[in-house]
Amino acid sequence: MLGNLELTADGDLGRLIGWRGARAHLHLLDNHGRGLNDLAGTVQGIDNIEVSNGRPKLYEAWVEQSFASGRVSVLLGLSDLNANFYQNDSAGLLIAPAFGIGSELSATGPNGPSIFPSTAMTARLNVTLGASSYFRAAAVNARAGVLGDDAGVELSLRDGALLIAEAGTTRGGKLAVGAWRYTRRQDDLRATDSAGNPVRRIAMGAYALIDQRLAGDDTRGLDLFVRAGISDGKTTSFVGGFQAGVLARGLIPGRPNGQFSFGVAHGMLSRGFRDTLRDEGGVAESAETGIEITYKDSSAPFLAVQPDLQYIHRAVPGGGRRGTLVLGVRIIASFARQ
C-alpha cells in the first residue's frame, strides 16, 4: 500500500504585500509505503507515488514574476521540472511513472532530475508568442535536494546543471518539441579509459509530443496524446521510448465526472545497461512495454476512486516470467479553500 499526502498554497504577492506581477507557490509532500515496483519487477515502474524513502519534505517553493502584461515570466526556486516540460495533460490520469515524464530523461542525473519526489533549484523563463505559441527554457541544479532529504537543499552546483528548452503551440491542445543537456560530464555505464576509470560523457536528449482534442469538450470529450524521446544512451539505462494513449471524459451517461484512460508506454533500454546486467548473470530484452487501463469517478464532492489495471511485458524476466499483471485502486481525497 502506498500513500501520498500533499499540501499546497498559492499566493498573489501583489494583493498580499504589494509586489506587482508576482506570485508564490508552496508545496509540502509526505509519502509512505514502497516495494510495489520490486514485486512487479519492472524497469520503468508501475506507480508514480512510490518512493524509496518516505518522509515529510518541502517539495516546491518558488516565486514567479511576470512582465510585459503577463507575456513573459521568470520563476526562481524549487520547482518540478515536469510541470513545465515534457508534459501531457491528457496523460495525467495514468498511474505508471513513464506517462509523467519519459524514462530516458527521468533516469538521468546524479540522483534523478528535478521531479517527484525531490526537486532542485531552478531558474525558468517563459515567453508567450502570439495567441497560442510559447517558448520556455530553464537551468536546473543537476542534483536534486529539498528540506526533508538527507542532504537538504542542494545549492552548490558541484554536479553542474541541467539545461532544458521547449517550444510549441497550445492551439487545440498542445504540440511541442524540446531538448535537454547536462553541463557536466557523467560516468559512462560501460566504457573505461586506459586506467580503468569510467569515460565521462555529456548526457543529452530531445523529445516531441502531441496532445490534441479529437471530439467534444472538457465535460464530455476525447483527447489523444502521443510523444517520443531519445537520449545519448551512454550514461543511463534508457536510450529512448514513446508513450501514447487516450483520455475520455463523461463516457458513461449520468456520470459527468467519470474519466477513462488507456495508455501504452514503451521504454528502450541502453546497450550499456543490458551489457552490465549480462555481466552480472542476468539478461534483458531491448525494451519494456506497459499497457494501462484506468477509470476515475467521484463518489463524493471531495472523494474519487480510481481502479487501475496494468500489464507489463518485462524487459528483465524474473522467475521465468516475461509478463506482469497488476491490479490496483487509488483513492483520492481533496480539499480546497480560497
C-alpha atoms as a PDB file:
ATOM      1  CA  MET A   1       0.000   0.000   0.000  1.00  0.00           C
ATOM      2  CA  LEU A   2       1.296   3.432  -0.979  1.00  0.00           C
ATOM      3  CA  GLY A   3       0.262   6.792   0.440  1.00  0.00           C
ATOM      4  CA  ASN A   4       0.717  10.351  -0.783  1.00  0.00           C
ATOM      5  CA  LEU A   5      -0.254  13.426   1.273  1.00  0.00           C
ATOM      6  CA  GLU A   6       0.129  16.881  -0.275  1.00  0.00           C
ATOM      7  CA  LEU A   7      -0.499  20.406   0.970  1.00  0.00           C
ATOM      8  CA  THR A   8      -0.199  23.315  -1.462  1.00  0.00           C
ATOM      9  CA  ALA A   9      -0.626  27.071  -1.120  1.00  0.00           C
ATOM     10  CA  ASP A  10      -0.587  29.767  -3.803  1.00  0.00           C
ATOM     11  CA  GLY A  11      -0.424  33.480  -3.140  1.00  0.00           C
ATOM     12  CA  ASP A  12      -0.821  36.638  -5.213  1.00  0.00           C
ATOM     13  CA  LEU A  13       2.047  38.744  -3.884  1.00  0.00           C
ATOM     14  CA  GLY A  14       0.516  41.884  -5.366  1.00  0.00           C
ATOM     15  CA  ARG A  15      -2.519  41.530  -3.105  1.00  0.00           C
ATOM     16  CA  LEU A  16      -0.536  40.270  -0.119  1.00  0.00           C
ATOM     17  CA  ILE A  17       2.457  42.619   0.020  1.00  0.00           C
ATOM     18  CA  GLY A  18       2.103  44.956  -2.964  1.00  0.00           C
ATOM     19  CA  TRP A  19       4.641  43.120  -5.182  1.00  0.00           C
ATOM     20  CA  ARG A  20       3.007  43.708  -8.547  1.00  0.00           C
ATOM     21  CA  GLY A  21       3.029  40.880 -11.096  1.00  0.00           C
ATOM     22  CA  ALA A  22       4.433  38.313  -8.683  1.00  0.00           C
ATOM     23  CA  ARG A  23       3.030  35.105  -7.248  1.00  0.00           C
ATOM     24  CA  ALA A  24       4.373  32.450  -4.887  1.00  0.00           C
ATOM     25  CA  HIS A  25       3.830  28.714  -4.560  1.00  0.00           C
ATOM     26  CA  LEU A  26       4.492  26.327  -1.671  1.00  0.00           C
ATOM     27  CA  HIS A  27       4.080  22.549  -1.850  1.00  0.00           C
ATOM     28  CA  LEU A  28       4.600  20.127   1.049  1.00  0.00           C
ATOM     29  CA  LEU A  29       4.744  16.379   0.493  1.00  0.00           C
ATOM     30  CA  ASP A  30       4.635  13.228   2.607  1.00  0.00           C
ATOM     31  CA  ASN A  31       4.853   9.713   1.143  1.00  0.00           C
ATOM     32  CA  HIS A  32       4.892   6.280   2.715  1.00  0.00           C
ATOM     33  CA  GLY A  33       4.968   2.673   1.557  1.00  0.00           C
ATOM     34  CA  ARG A  34       7.247   1.099  -1.018  1.00  0.00           C
ATOM     35  CA  GLY A  35       8.165  -2.157  -2.703  1.00  0.00           C
ATOM     36  CA  LEU A  36       5.374  -2.480  -5.266  1.00  0.00           C
ATOM     37  CA  ASN A  37       7.727  -1.953  -8.173  1.00  0.00           C
ATOM     38  CA  ASP A  38      10.137  -4.540  -6.780  1.00  0.00           C
ATOM     39  CA  LEU A  39       7.278  -7.037  -6.615  1.00  0.00           C
ATOM     40  CA  ALA A  40       6.293  -6.249 -10.205  1.00  0.00           C
ATOM     41  CA  GLY A  41       9.924  -6.472 -11.365  1.00  0.00           C
ATOM     42  CA  THR A  42       9.630  -3.690 -13.921  1.00  0.00           C
ATOM     43  CA  VAL A  43      12.292  -1.213 -15.040  1.00  0.00           C
ATOM     44  CA  GLN A  44      10.005   1.783 -15.670  1.00  0.00           C
ATOM     45  CA  GLY A  45       7.823   1.325 -12.563  1.00  0.00           C
ATOM     46  CA  ILE A  46       4.093   0.870 -12.005  1.00  0.00           C
ATOM     47  CA  ASP A  47       3.058   3.629  -9.584  1.00  0.00           C
ATOM     48  CA  ASN A  48       4.003   7.298  -9.765  1.00  0.00           C
ATOM     49  CA  ILE A  49       3.775   7.927  -5.985  1.00  0.00           C
ATOM     50  CA  GLU A  50       6.212   5.197  -4.904  1.00  0.00           C
ATOM     51  CA  VAL A  51       9.395   6.499  -3.262  1.00  0.00           C
ATOM     52  CA  SER A  52      12.465   4.728  -1.899  1.00  0.00           C
ATOM     53  CA  ASN A  53      12.458   6.657   1.373  1.00  0.00           C
ATOM     54  CA  GLY A  54       9.142   8.051   2.553  1.00  0.00           C
ATOM     55  CA  ARG A  55       9.252  11.149   4.760  1.00  0.00           C
ATOM     56  CA  PRO A  56       7.704  14.629   5.018  1.00  0.00           C
ATOM     57  CA  LYS A  57       9.501  17.176   2.855  1.00  0.00           C
ATOM     58  CA  LEU A  58       9.299  20.550   1.195  1.00  0.00           C
ATOM     59  CA  TYR A  59       8.612  19.678  -2.435  1.00  0.00           C
ATOM     60  CA  GLU A  60       8.280  23.065  -4.134  1.00  0.00           C
ATOM     61  CA  ALA A  61       8.849  26.673  -3.083  1.00  0.00           C
ATOM     62  CA  TRP A  62       9.124  29.283  -5.793  1.00  0.00           C
ATOM     63  CA  VAL A  63       8.326  32.866  -6.791  1.00  0.00           C
ATOM     64  CA  GLU A  64       7.316  33.852 -10.329  1.00  0.00           C
ATOM     65  CA  GLN A  65       7.498  37.401 -11.659  1.00  0.00           C
ATOM     66  CA  SER A  66       5.542  38.439 -14.769  1.00  0.00           C
ATOM     67  CA  PHE A  67       6.489  41.153 -17.253  1.00  0.00           C
ATOM     68  CA  ALA A  68       5.091  42.617 -20.480  1.00  0.00           C
ATOM     69  CA  SER A  69       1.424  42.257 -19.481  1.00  0.00           C
ATOM     70  CA  GLY A  70       1.986  38.658 -18.462  1.00  0.00           C
ATOM     71  CA  ARG A  71       3.557  37.513 -21.733  1.00  0.00           C
ATOM     72  CA  VAL A  72       6.975  36.981 -20.117  1.00  0.00           C
ATOM     73  CA  SER A  73       7.657  35.418 -16.730  1.00  0.00           C
ATOM     74  CA  VAL A  74      10.683  34.369 -14.708  1.00  0.00           C
ATOM     75  CA  LEU A  75      10.486  31.705 -11.984  1.00  0.00           C
ATOM     76  CA  LEU A  76      13.085  31.120  -9.267  1.00  0.00           C
ATOM     77  CA  GLY A  77      13.102  28.435  -6.579  1.00  0.00           C
ATOM     78  CA  LEU A  78      12.460  24.745  -6.040  1.00  0.00           C
ATOM     79  CA  SER A  79      10.289  23.676  -8.969  1.00  0.00           C
ATOM     80  CA  ASP A  80       9.037  20.437 -10.534  1.00  0.00           C
ATOM     81  CA  LEU A  81      10.611  20.196 -13.990  1.00  0.00           C
ATOM     82  CA  ASN A  82       7.716  18.079 -15.297  1.00  0.00           C
ATOM     83  CA  ALA A  83       5.183  20.827 -14.530  1.00  0.00           C
ATOM     84  CA  ASN A  84       6.620  22.882 -17.399  1.00  0.00           C
ATOM     85  CA  PHE A  85       8.494  20.473 -19.674  1.00  0.00           C
ATOM     86  CA  TYR A  86       7.771  17.122 -21.366  1.00  0.00           C
ATOM     87  CA  GLN A  87       4.216  17.155 -20.026  1.00  0.00           C
ATOM     88  CA  ASN A  88       0.885  15.962 -21.483  1.00  0.00           C
ATOM     89  CA  ASP A  89      -2.340  16.939 -19.723  1.00  0.00           C
ATOM     90  CA  SER A  90      -4.176  14.020 -21.360  1.00  0.00           C
ATOM     91  CA  ALA A  91      -1.762  11.521 -19.784  1.00  0.00           C
ATOM     92  CA  GLY A  92      -2.297  12.868 -16.271  1.00  0.00           C
ATOM     93  CA  LEU A  93      -4.826  10.225 -15.196  1.00  0.00           C
ATOM     94  CA  LEU A  94      -2.475   7.303 -15.860  1.00  0.00           C
ATOM     95  CA  ILE A  95      -0.557   5.983 -12.861  1.00  0.00           C
ATOM     96  CA  ALA A  96       2.557   4.394 -14.424  1.00  0.00           C
ATOM     97  CA  PRO A  97       5.563   6.755 -13.992  1.00  0.00           C
ATOM     98  CA  ALA A  98       6.543   6.753 -17.683  1.00  0.00           C
ATOM     99  CA  PHE A  99       3.387   8.715 -18.543  1.00  0.00           C
ATOM    100  CA  GLY A 100       4.562  11.582 -16.333  1.00  0.00           C
ATOM    101  CA  ILE A 101       7.946  12.139 -17.977  1.00  0.00           C
ATOM    102  CA  GLY A 102       9.878   9.991 -20.428  1.00  0.00           C
ATOM    103  CA  SER A 103      12.091   7.358 -18.790  1.00  0.00           C
ATOM    104  CA  GLU A 104      15.116   8.415 -20.844  1.00  0.00           C
ATOM    105  CA  LEU A 105      15.042  11.785 -19.006  1.00  0.00           C
ATOM    106  CA  SER A 106      13.724  10.693 -15.601  1.00  0.00           C
ATOM    107  CA  ALA A 107      16.653   8.259 -15.206  1.00  0.00           C
ATOM    108  CA  THR A 108      19.340  10.921 -15.734  1.00  0.00           C
ATOM    109  CA  GLY A 109      21.431  12.995 -13.356  1.00  0.00           C
ATOM    110  CA  PRO A 110      23.405  12.100 -10.239  1.00  0.00           C
ATOM    111  CA  ASN A 111      20.200  11.346  -8.259  1.00  0.00           C
ATOM    112  CA  GLY A 112      17.438  11.987 -10.796  1.00  0.00           C
ATOM    113  CA  PRO A 113      16.351  15.320 -12.285  1.00  0.00           C
ATOM    114  CA  SER A 114      14.088  17.858 -10.552  1.00  0.00           C
ATOM    115  CA  ILE A 115      10.941  15.710 -10.493  1.00  0.00           C
ATOM    116  CA  PHE A 116       8.942  13.755  -7.904  1.00  0.00           C
ATOM    117  CA  PRO A 117       9.876  13.106  -5.138  1.00  0.00           C
ATOM    118  CA  SER A 118      12.690  15.722  -4.925  1.00  0.00           C
ATOM    119  CA  THR A 119      13.031  18.975  -6.834  1.00  0.00           C
ATOM    120  CA  ALA A 120      16.046  21.224  -7.374  1.00  0.00           C
ATOM    121  CA  MET A 121      16.810  24.922  -7.530  1.00  0.00           C
ATOM    122  CA  THR A 122      15.503  26.223 -10.849  1.00  0.00           C
ATOM    123  CA  ALA A 123      15.619  29.387 -12.940  1.00  0.00           C
ATOM    124  CA  ARG A 124      12.937  29.272 -15.657  1.00  0.00           C
ATOM    125  CA  LEU A 125      11.980  31.710 -18.406  1.00  0.00           C
ATOM    126  CA  ASN A 126       8.577  31.513 -20.132  1.00  0.00           C
ATOM    127  CA  VAL A 127       7.601  33.613 -23.158  1.00  0.00           C
ATOM    128  CA  THR A 128       4.156  33.636 -24.806  1.00  0.00           C
ATOM    129  CA  LEU A 129       4.349  34.190 -28.566  1.00  0.00           C
ATOM    130  CA  GLY A 130       1.228  35.347 -30.379  1.00  0.00           C
ATOM    131  CA  ALA A 131      -2.137  33.905 -29.425  1.00  0.00           C
ATOM    132  CA  SER A 132      -1.133  30.332 -28.636  1.00  0.00           C
ATOM    133  CA  SER A 133       2.608  29.721 -29.081  1.00  0.00           C
ATOM    134  CA  TYR A 134       5.254  29.663 -26.366  1.00  0.00           C
ATOM    135  CA  PHE A 135       8.933  29.204 -25.646  1.00  0.00           C
ATOM    136  CA  ARG A 136      10.361  28.275 -22.268  1.00  0.00           C
ATOM    137  CA  ALA A 137      13.818  27.398 -21.009  1.00  0.00           C
ATOM    138  CA  ALA A 138      15.319  26.545 -17.640  1.00  0.00           C
ATOM    139  CA  ALA A 139      18.600  25.970 -15.872  1.00  0.00           C
ATOM    140  CA  VAL A 140      18.178  23.402 -13.084  1.00  0.00           C
ATOM    141  CA  ASN A 141      20.640  22.185 -10.486  1.00  0.00           C
ATOM    142  CA  ALA A 142      21.725  18.722 -11.659  1.00  0.00           C
ATOM    143  CA  ARG A 143      21.494  17.304  -8.131  1.00  0.00           C
ATOM    144  CA  ALA A 144      18.001  17.360  -6.648  1.00  0.00           C
ATOM    145  CA  GLY A 145      17.535  18.031  -2.945  1.00  0.00           C
ATOM    146  CA  VAL A 146      14.926  19.623  -0.687  1.00  0.00           C
ATOM    147  CA  LEU A 147      14.293  20.140   3.029  1.00  0.00           C
ATOM    148  CA  GLY A 148      13.468  16.671   4.314  1.00  0.00           C
ATOM    149  CA  ASP A 149      16.088  14.900   2.194  1.00  0.00           C
ATOM    150  CA  ASP A 150      19.239  13.652   3.933  1.00  0.00           C
ATOM    151  CA  ALA A 151      21.439  16.411   2.464  1.00  0.00           C
ATOM    152  CA  GLY A 152      18.755  19.131   2.458  1.00  0.00           C
ATOM    153  CA  VAL A 153      18.534  21.747  -0.286  1.00  0.00           C
ATOM    154  CA  GLU A 154      21.428  21.450  -2.736  1.00  0.00           C
ATOM    155  CA  LEU A 155      22.863  24.881  -3.634  1.00  0.00           C
ATOM    156  CA  SER A 156      26.489  24.219  -4.620  1.00  0.00           C
ATOM    157  CA  LEU A 157      26.043  23.239  -8.311  1.00  0.00           C
ATOM    158  CA  ARG A 158      29.005  20.891  -7.797  1.00  0.00           C
ATOM    159  CA  ASP A 159      27.393  18.467 -10.275  1.00  0.00           C
ATOM    160  CA  GLY A 160      26.605  21.168 -12.804  1.00  0.00           C
ATOM    161  CA  ALA A 161      23.189  21.973 -14.215  1.00  0.00           C
ATOM    162  CA  LEU A 162      20.527  20.521 -16.482  1.00  0.00           C
ATOM    163  CA  LEU A 163      19.648  22.893 -19.325  1.00  0.00           C
ATOM    164  CA  ILE A 164      16.276  22.337 -20.994  1.00  0.00           C
ATOM    165  CA  ALA A 165      14.143  24.207 -23.523  1.00  0.00           C
ATOM    166  CA  GLU A 166      10.740  23.604 -25.107  1.00  0.00           C
ATOM    167  CA  ALA A 167       8.766  25.399 -27.815  1.00  0.00           C
ATOM    168  CA  GLY A 168       5.260  24.704 -29.014  1.00  0.00           C
ATOM    169  CA  THR A 169       1.682  25.746 -29.526  1.00  0.00           C
ATOM    170  CA  THR A 170      -1.403  25.205 -27.377  1.00  0.00           C
ATOM    171  CA  ARG A 171      -3.868  25.540 -30.243  1.00  0.00           C
ATOM    172  CA  GLY A 172      -6.408  22.711 -29.915  1.00  0.00           C
ATOM    173  CA  GLY A 173      -4.322  21.113 -27.172  1.00  0.00           C
ATOM    174  CA  LYS A 174      -0.549  21.004 -27.386  1.00  0.00           C
ATOM    175  CA  LEU A 175       2.173  20.385 -29.960  1.00  0.00           C
ATOM    176  CA  ALA A 176       5.754  20.796 -28.743  1.00  0.00           C
ATOM    177  CA  VAL A 177       9.396  19.857 -29.169  1.00  0.00           C
ATOM    178  CA  GLY A 178      12.127  20.040 -26.554  1.00  0.00           C
ATOM    179  CA  ALA A 179      15.793  19.337 -25.915  1.00  0.00           C
ATOM    180  CA  TRP A 180      17.938  18.935 -22.804  1.00  0.00           C
ATOM    181  CA  ARG A 181      21.619  18.704 -21.904  1.00  0.00           C
ATOM    182  CA  TYR A 182      23.716  18.450 -18.755  1.00  0.00           C
ATOM    183  CA  THR A 183      26.609  20.890 -18.364  1.00  0.00           C
ATOM    184  CA  ARG A 184      28.911  18.484 -16.512  1.00  0.00           C
ATOM    185  CA  ARG A 185      30.093  15.094 -17.704  1.00  0.00           C
ATOM    186  CA  GLN A 186      28.826  11.899 -16.081  1.00  0.00           C
ATOM    187  CA  ASP A 187      30.191   8.347 -15.941  1.00  0.00           C
ATOM    188  CA  ASP A 188      29.575   6.100 -18.935  1.00  0.00           C
ATOM    189  CA  LEU A 189      27.793   2.901 -17.886  1.00  0.00           C
ATOM    190  CA  ARG A 190      30.387   0.711 -19.631  1.00  0.00           C
ATOM    191  CA  ALA A 191      33.283   2.453 -21.370  1.00  0.00           C
ATOM    192  CA  THR A 192      36.530   2.985 -19.445  1.00  0.00           C
ATOM    193  CA  ASP A 193      39.827   4.722 -20.210  1.00  0.00           C
ATOM    194  CA  SER A 194      43.292   3.147 -20.182  1.00  0.00           C
ATOM    195  CA  ALA A 195      43.452   3.478 -16.382  1.00  0.00           C
ATOM    196  CA  GLY A 196      40.160   1.648 -15.933  1.00  0.00           C
ATOM    197  CA  ASN A 197      38.189   4.737 -14.943  1.00  0.00           C
ATOM    198  CA  PRO A 198      34.734   5.342 -16.466  1.00  0.00           C
ATOM    199  CA  VAL A 199      34.737   7.560 -19.525  1.00  0.00           C
ATOM    200  CA  ARG A 200      32.977  10.835 -18.755  1.00  0.00           C
ATOM    201  CA  ARG A 201      30.262  11.945 -21.194  1.00  0.00           C
ATOM    202  CA  ILE A 202      27.719  14.723 -21.587  1.00  0.00           C
ATOM    203  CA  ALA A 203      24.175  13.371 -21.278  1.00  0.00           C
ATOM    204  CA  MET A 204      21.676  14.907 -23.683  1.00  0.00           C
ATOM    205  CA  GLY A 205      18.407  14.202 -25.448  1.00  0.00           C
ATOM    206  CA  ALA A 206      15.323  15.515 -27.198  1.00  0.00           C
ATOM    207  CA  TYR A 207      11.582  14.858 -27.329  1.00  0.00           C
ATOM    208  CA  ALA A 208       8.401  15.707 -29.222  1.00  0.00           C
ATOM    209  CA  LEU A 209       4.789  15.496 -28.111  1.00  0.00           C
ATOM    210  CA  ILE A 210       1.240  15.846 -29.397  1.00  0.00           C
ATOM    211  CA  ASP A 211      -1.787  16.322 -27.132  1.00  0.00           C
ATOM    212  CA  GLN A 212      -4.970  17.099 -29.053  1.00  0.00           C
ATOM    213  CA  ARG A 213      -8.740  17.178 -28.582  1.00  0.00           C
ATOM    214  CA  LEU A 214     -10.378  14.765 -31.000  1.00  0.00           C
ATOM    215  CA  ALA A 215     -14.006  15.443 -30.068  1.00  0.00           C
ATOM    216  CA  GLY A 216     -16.238  17.153 -27.513  1.00  0.00           C
ATOM    217  CA  ASP A 217     -15.198  19.496 -24.702  1.00  0.00           C
ATOM    218  CA  ASP A 218     -13.847  19.450 -21.151  1.00  0.00           C
ATOM    219  CA  THR A 219     -17.096  17.970 -19.840  1.00  0.00           C
ATOM    220  CA  ARG A 220     -17.598  15.251 -22.437  1.00  0.00           C
ATOM    221  CA  GLY A 221     -14.757  14.750 -24.863  1.00  0.00           C
ATOM    222  CA  LEU A 222     -11.955  12.588 -26.211  1.00  0.00           C
ATOM    223  CA  ASP A 223      -8.269  13.574 -26.156  1.00  0.00           C
ATOM    224  CA  LEU A 224      -5.283  11.862 -27.759  1.00  0.00           C
ATOM    225  CA  PHE A 225      -1.626  12.064 -26.745  1.00  0.00           C
ATOM    226  CA  VAL A 226       1.496  10.742 -28.477  1.00  0.00           C
ATOM    227  CA  ARG A 227       5.068  11.543 -27.568  1.00  0.00           C
ATOM    228  CA  ALA A 228       8.582  10.183 -28.031  1.00  0.00           C
ATOM    229  CA  GLY A 229      12.016  10.914 -26.649  1.00  0.00           C
ATOM    230  CA  ILE A 230      15.628   9.917 -27.230  1.00  0.00           C
ATOM    231  CA  SER A 231      18.858  10.281 -25.276  1.00  0.00           C
ATOM    232  CA  ASP A 232      22.533   9.582 -25.862  1.00  0.00           C
ATOM    233  CA  GLY A 233      22.039   6.282 -24.014  1.00  0.00           C
ATOM    234  CA  LYS A 234      25.575   6.180 -22.641  1.00  0.00           C
ATOM    235  CA  THR A 235      25.115   7.271 -19.036  1.00  0.00           C
ATOM    236  CA  THR A 236      21.646   5.903 -18.172  1.00  0.00           C
ATOM    237  CA  SER A 237      19.592   2.741 -18.543  1.00  0.00           C
ATOM    238  CA  PHE A 238      17.314   4.118 -21.296  1.00  0.00           C
ATOM    239  CA  VAL A 239      18.123   5.257 -24.820  1.00  0.00           C
ATOM    240  CA  GLY A 240      14.589   6.366 -25.681  1.00  0.00           C
ATOM    241  CA  GLY A 241      10.935   5.471 -25.710  1.00  0.00           C
ATOM    242  CA  PHE A 242       7.412   6.542 -26.543  1.00  0.00           C
ATOM    243  CA  GLN A 243       4.026   6.856 -24.845  1.00  0.00           C
ATOM    244  CA  ALA A 244       0.587   7.081 -26.437  1.00  0.00           C
ATOM    245  CA  GLY A 245      -2.988   6.950 -25.243  1.00  0.00           C
ATOM    246  CA  VAL A 246      -6.432   8.496 -24.950  1.00  0.00           C
ATOM    247  CA  LEU A 247      -8.461  10.244 -22.261  1.00  0.00           C
ATOM    248  CA  ALA A 248     -12.277  10.157 -22.400  1.00  0.00           C
ATOM    249  CA  ARG A 249     -14.456  12.365 -20.173  1.00  0.00           C
ATOM    250  CA  GLY A 250     -18.145  11.762 -19.463  1.00  0.00           C
ATOM    251  CA  LEU A 251     -18.040   8.408 -21.216  1.00  0.00           C
ATOM    252  CA  ILE A 252     -20.763   6.835 -19.062  1.00  0.00           C
ATOM    253  CA  PRO A 253     -24.205   8.503 -19.233  1.00  0.00           C
ATOM    254  CA  GLY A 254     -25.170  10.012 -15.901  1.00  0.00           C
ATOM    255  CA  ARG A 255     -21.546  10.101 -14.685  1.00  0.00           C
ATOM    256  CA  PRO A 256     -20.304  13.557 -15.798  1.00  0.00           C
ATOM    257  CA  ASN A 257     -17.191  13.395 -13.602  1.00  0.00           C
ATOM    258  CA  GLY A 258     -16.080   9.989 -14.861  1.00  0.00           C
ATOM    259  CA  GLN A 259     -12.775   9.800 -16.747  1.00  0.00           C
ATOM    260  CA  PHE A 260     -11.411   6.796 -18.641  1.00  0.00           C
ATOM    261  CA  SER A 261      -7.864   6.497 -19.919  1.00  0.00           C
ATOM    262  CA  PHE A 262      -5.853   3.950 -21.874  1.00  0.00           C
ATOM    263  CA  GLY A 263      -2.123   4.188 -22.487  1.00  0.00           C
ATOM    264  CA  VAL A 264       0.935   2.355 -23.823  1.00  0.00           C
ATOM    265  CA  ALA A 265       4.463   3.108 -22.572  1.00  0.00           C
ATOM    266  CA  HIS A 266       7.489   1.681 -24.373  1.00  0.00           C
ATOM    267  CA  GLY A 267      10.965   2.155 -22.900  1.00  0.00           C
ATOM    268  CA  MET A 268      14.066   1.192 -24.899  1.00  0.00           C
ATOM    269  CA  LEU A 269      16.984   0.004 -22.773  1.00  0.00           C
ATOM    270  CA  SER A 270      20.509   1.178 -23.490  1.00  0.00           C
ATOM    271  CA  ARG A 271      23.145  -1.291 -24.625  1.00  0.00           C
ATOM    272  CA  GLY A 272      25.342  -0.381 -21.653  1.00  0.00           C
ATOM    273  CA  PHE A 273      22.597  -1.281 -19.172  1.00  0.00           C
ATOM    274  CA  ARG A 274      21.907  -4.611 -20.885  1.00  0.00           C
ATOM    275  CA  ASP A 275      25.602  -5.494 -21.105  1.00  0.00           C
ATOM    276  CA  THR A 276      26.090  -4.708 -17.413  1.00  0.00           C
ATOM    277  CA  LEU A 277      23.123  -6.891 -16.496  1.00  0.00           C
ATOM    278  CA  ARG A 278      24.526  -9.711 -18.632  1.00  0.00           C
ATOM    279  CA  ASP A 279      27.890  -9.463 -16.835  1.00  0.00           C
ATOM    280  CA  GLU A 280      26.020  -9.929 -13.553  1.00  0.00           C
ATOM    281  CA  GLY A 281      24.428 -13.121 -14.826  1.00  0.00           C
ATOM    282  CA  GLY A 282      21.136 -11.620 -15.937  1.00  0.00           C
ATOM    283  CA  VAL A 283      19.560 -10.973 -19.293  1.00  0.00           C
ATOM    284  CA  ALA A 284      17.384  -8.194 -20.651  1.00  0.00           C
ATOM    285  CA  GLU A 285      15.379  -7.578 -23.786  1.00  0.00           C
ATOM    286  CA  SER A 286      15.914  -4.398 -25.755  1.00  0.00           C
ATOM    287  CA  ALA A 287      12.725  -2.755 -24.456  1.00  0.00           C
ATOM    288  CA  GLU A 288       9.942  -2.923 -21.881  1.00  0.00           C
ATOM    289  CA  THR A 289       6.304  -2.227 -22.770  1.00  0.00           C
ATOM    290  CA  GLY A 290       3.490  -1.410 -20.377  1.00  0.00           C
ATOM    291  CA  ILE A 291      -0.244  -1.159 -21.066  1.00  0.00           C
ATOM    292  CA  GLU A 292      -2.549   0.625 -18.614  1.00  0.00           C
ATOM    293  CA  ILE A 293      -6.344   0.973 -18.385  1.00  0.00           C
ATOM    294  CA  THR A 294      -7.847   3.138 -15.657  1.00  0.00           C
ATOM    295  CA  TYR A 295     -11.118   4.833 -14.716  1.00  0.00           C
ATOM    296  CA  LYS A 296     -11.669   7.603 -12.165  1.00  0.00           C
ATOM    297  CA  ASP A 297     -15.013   8.821 -10.817  1.00  0.00           C
ATOM    298  CA  SER A 298     -16.248  10.876  -7.898  1.00  0.00           C
ATOM    299  CA  SER A 299     -18.209   9.181  -5.126  1.00  0.00           C
ATOM    300  CA  ALA A 300     -18.499  12.480  -3.194  1.00  0.00           C
ATOM    301  CA  PRO A 301     -17.535  16.126  -3.926  1.00  0.00           C
ATOM    302  CA  PHE A 302     -14.190  15.579  -2.164  1.00  0.00           C
ATOM    303  CA  LEU A 303     -13.604  11.876  -2.895  1.00  0.00           C
ATOM    304  CA  ALA A 304     -12.676   9.966  -6.063  1.00  0.00           C
ATOM    305  CA  VAL A 305     -11.998   6.282  -6.658  1.00  0.00           C
ATOM    306  CA  GLN A 306      -9.738   5.055  -9.467  1.00  0.00           C
ATOM    307  CA  PRO A 307      -9.432   1.334 -10.322  1.00  0.00           C
ATOM    308  CA  ASP A 308      -6.344   0.599 -12.395  1.00  0.00           C
ATOM    309  CA  LEU A 309      -5.150  -2.341 -14.494  1.00  0.00           C
ATOM    310  CA  GLN A 310      -1.645  -2.688 -15.931  1.00  0.00           C
ATOM    311  CA  TYR A 311       0.125  -5.350 -17.939  1.00  0.00           C
ATOM    312  CA  ILE A 312       3.894  -5.059 -18.364  1.00  0.00           C
ATOM    313  CA  HIS A 313       5.915  -7.102 -20.819  1.00  0.00           C
ATOM    314  CA  ARG A 314       9.066  -7.077 -18.741  1.00  0.00           C
ATOM    315  CA  ALA A 315      12.468  -6.359 -20.201  1.00  0.00           C
ATOM    316  CA  VAL A 316      14.147  -8.235 -17.359  1.00  0.00           C
ATOM    317  CA  PRO A 317      12.416 -11.575 -16.712  1.00  0.00           C
ATOM    318  CA  GLY A 318      12.172 -12.853 -13.149  1.00  0.00           C
ATOM    319  CA  GLY A 319      11.387 -16.418 -12.155  1.00  0.00           C
ATOM    320  CA  GLY A 320      10.864 -17.224 -15.823  1.00  0.00           C
ATOM    321  CA  ARG A 321       8.086 -14.604 -16.083  1.00  0.00           C
ATOM    322  CA  ARG A 322       8.102 -12.216 -19.015  1.00  0.00           C
ATOM    323  CA  GLY A 323       4.811 -10.544 -18.165  1.00  0.00           C
ATOM    324  CA  THR A 324       3.348  -8.998 -15.020  1.00  0.00           C
ATOM    325  CA  LEU A 325      -0.322  -8.180 -14.420  1.00  0.00           C
ATOM    326  CA  VAL A 326      -1.039  -5.503 -11.817  1.00  0.00           C
ATOM    327  CA  LEU A 327      -4.478  -4.641 -10.450  1.00  0.00           C
ATOM    328  CA  GLY A 328      -4.870  -1.740  -8.051  1.00  0.00           C
ATOM    329  CA  VAL A 329      -7.109   1.040  -6.865  1.00  0.00           C
ATOM    330  CA  ARG A 330      -6.274   4.641  -5.969  1.00  0.00           C
ATOM    331  CA  ILE A 331      -8.467   6.657  -3.582  1.00  0.00           C
ATOM    332  CA  ILE A 332      -8.118  10.453  -3.809  1.00  0.00           C
ATOM    333  CA  ALA A 333      -9.438  12.868  -1.185  1.00  0.00           C
ATOM    334  CA  SER A 334      -9.009  16.568  -1.968  1.00  0.00           C
ATOM    335  CA  PHE A 335      -9.976  19.743  -0.134  1.00  0.00           C
ATOM    336  CA  ALA A 336      -9.577  23.321  -1.346  1.00  0.00           C
ATOM    337  CA  ARG A 337     -10.054  26.722   0.233  1.00  0.00           C
ATOM    338  CA  GLN A 338      -9.668  30.158  -1.304  1.00  0.00           C
END
